[in-house]
Amino acid sequence: MAFTTWAALHQKMLDDLADGHATVGEYSIAGRILKYRSTDDFTRLLSYVESKADAESGTGFGRTCAGQGGR
C-alpha cells in the first residue's frame, strides 16, 4: 500500500502494531520502499516515520535550548 503523507503511514503502522503485524513487511511512501524484517526493525522504522510525521505537521522540534546561550 502506498501512502501520500507521513501521518497516514504512521497511523497505519500503529494499527498494524495493534493487530500484531510487526514482524516482516514493507510500506511505500513518496516513491520509497520502507522494509522491516523484525520487531526491532519495525520499532526503529516507526520512530523514524513518527519524526517525519511530526515534521510534516510542524509539531516536531529539531533543536534543543542552550542553557546559557554562549557569552
C-alpha atoms as a PDB file:
ATOM      1  CA  MET A   1       0.000   0.000   0.000  1.00  0.00           C
ATOM      2  CA  ALA A   2       1.380   3.414  -0.972  1.00  0.00           C
ATOM      3  CA  PHE A   3       0.955   6.442   1.295  1.00  0.00           C
ATOM      4  CA  THR A   4       0.936  10.134   0.419  1.00  0.00           C
ATOM      5  CA  THR A   5       1.543  11.548   3.919  1.00  0.00           C
ATOM      6  CA  TRP A   6       3.819  10.501   6.767  1.00  0.00           C
ATOM      7  CA  ALA A   7       0.899  10.957   9.187  1.00  0.00           C
ATOM      8  CA  ALA A   8      -1.224   8.420   7.293  1.00  0.00           C
ATOM      9  CA  LEU A   9       1.675   5.961   7.241  1.00  0.00           C
ATOM     10  CA  HIS A  10       2.264   6.493  10.960  1.00  0.00           C
ATOM     11  CA  GLN A  11      -1.384   5.717  11.751  1.00  0.00           C
ATOM     12  CA  LYS A  12      -1.307   2.580   9.572  1.00  0.00           C
ATOM     13  CA  MET A  13       1.841   1.390  11.332  1.00  0.00           C
ATOM     14  CA  LEU A  14       0.206   1.903  14.741  1.00  0.00           C
ATOM     15  CA  ASP A  15      -2.828  -0.064  13.531  1.00  0.00           C
ATOM     16  CA  ASP A  16      -0.590  -2.856  12.218  1.00  0.00           C
ATOM     17  CA  LEU A  17       1.283  -2.969  15.527  1.00  0.00           C
ATOM     18  CA  ALA A  18      -2.004  -3.263  17.436  1.00  0.00           C
ATOM     19  CA  ASP A  19      -3.101  -6.066  15.092  1.00  0.00           C
ATOM     20  CA  GLY A  20       0.171  -7.972  15.602  1.00  0.00           C
ATOM     21  CA  HIS A  21       1.587  -7.344  12.121  1.00  0.00           C
ATOM     22  CA  ALA A  22       5.004  -6.000  13.115  1.00  0.00           C
ATOM     23  CA  THR A  23       7.329  -8.847  12.192  1.00  0.00           C
ATOM     24  CA  VAL A  24       8.018  -8.689   8.433  1.00  0.00           C
ATOM     25  CA  GLY A  25       6.666  -6.309   5.810  1.00  0.00           C
ATOM     26  CA  GLU A  26       7.052  -3.086   3.901  1.00  0.00           C
ATOM     27  CA  TYR A  27       5.394   0.254   3.234  1.00  0.00           C
ATOM     28  CA  SER A  28       5.705   2.676   0.332  1.00  0.00           C
ATOM     29  CA  ILE A  29       5.749   6.468   0.541  1.00  0.00           C
ATOM     30  CA  ALA A  30       6.925   9.119  -1.913  1.00  0.00           C
ATOM     31  CA  GLY A  31       8.447   6.500  -4.211  1.00  0.00           C
ATOM     32  CA  ARG A  32      10.423   4.904  -1.360  1.00  0.00           C
ATOM     33  CA  ILE A  33      10.035   1.379  -0.064  1.00  0.00           C
ATOM     34  CA  LEU A  34      10.490   1.064   3.712  1.00  0.00           C
ATOM     35  CA  LYS A  35      11.078  -2.556   4.749  1.00  0.00           C
ATOM     36  CA  TYR A  36      11.280  -4.235   8.138  1.00  0.00           C
ATOM     37  CA  ARG A  37      12.337  -7.794   8.944  1.00  0.00           C
ATOM     38  CA  SER A  38      11.910  -7.943  12.717  1.00  0.00           C
ATOM     39  CA  THR A  39      10.059  -6.286  15.564  1.00  0.00           C
ATOM     40  CA  ASP A  40      13.223  -4.274  16.270  1.00  0.00           C
ATOM     41  CA  ASP A  41      13.297  -3.040  12.668  1.00  0.00           C
ATOM     42  CA  PHE A  42       9.615  -2.156  12.923  1.00  0.00           C
ATOM     43  CA  THR A  43      10.055  -0.070  16.088  1.00  0.00           C
ATOM     44  CA  ARG A  44      13.021   1.797  14.581  1.00  0.00           C
ATOM     45  CA  LEU A  45      11.026   2.446  11.419  1.00  0.00           C
ATOM     46  CA  LEU A  46       8.018   3.559  13.467  1.00  0.00           C
ATOM     47  CA  SER A  47      10.195   6.062  15.315  1.00  0.00           C
ATOM     48  CA  TYR A  48      11.571   7.392  12.010  1.00  0.00           C
ATOM     49  CA  VAL A  49       8.087   7.695  10.496  1.00  0.00           C
ATOM     50  CA  GLU A  50       6.796   9.404  13.637  1.00  0.00           C
ATOM     51  CA  SER A  51       9.548  12.039  13.390  1.00  0.00           C
ATOM     52  CA  LYS A  52       8.739  12.602   9.705  1.00  0.00           C
ATOM     53  CA  ALA A  53       5.014  12.926  10.529  1.00  0.00           C
ATOM     54  CA  ASP A  54       5.817  15.444  13.284  1.00  0.00           C
ATOM     55  CA  ALA A  55       7.974  17.478  10.897  1.00  0.00           C
ATOM     56  CA  GLU A  56       5.253  17.306   8.258  1.00  0.00           C
ATOM     57  CA  SER A  57       2.670  18.712  10.672  1.00  0.00           C
ATOM     58  CA  GLY A  58       5.047  21.229  12.243  1.00  0.00           C
ATOM     59  CA  THR A  59       4.831  19.689  15.728  1.00  0.00           C
ATOM     60  CA  GLY A  60       8.354  18.267  15.794  1.00  0.00           C
ATOM     61  CA  PHE A  61      11.194  20.128  17.441  1.00  0.00           C
ATOM     62  CA  GLY A  62      14.630  19.581  15.985  1.00  0.00           C
ATOM     63  CA  ARG A  63      16.595  21.883  18.303  1.00  0.00           C
ATOM     64  CA  THR A  64      17.447  21.944  21.961  1.00  0.00           C
ATOM     65  CA  CYS A  65      17.685  25.104  24.009  1.00  0.00           C
ATOM     66  CA  ALA A  66      21.118  26.144  25.257  1.00  0.00           C
ATOM     67  CA  GLY A  67      21.063  26.986  28.955  1.00  0.00           C
ATOM     68  CA  GLN A  68      23.482  29.916  28.984  1.00  0.00           C
ATOM     69  CA  GLY A  69      23.265  30.903  25.328  1.00  0.00           C
ATOM     70  CA  GLY A  70      27.051  31.307  24.930  1.00  0.00           C
ATOM     71  CA  ARG A  71      28.639  34.528  26.087  1.00  0.00           C
END
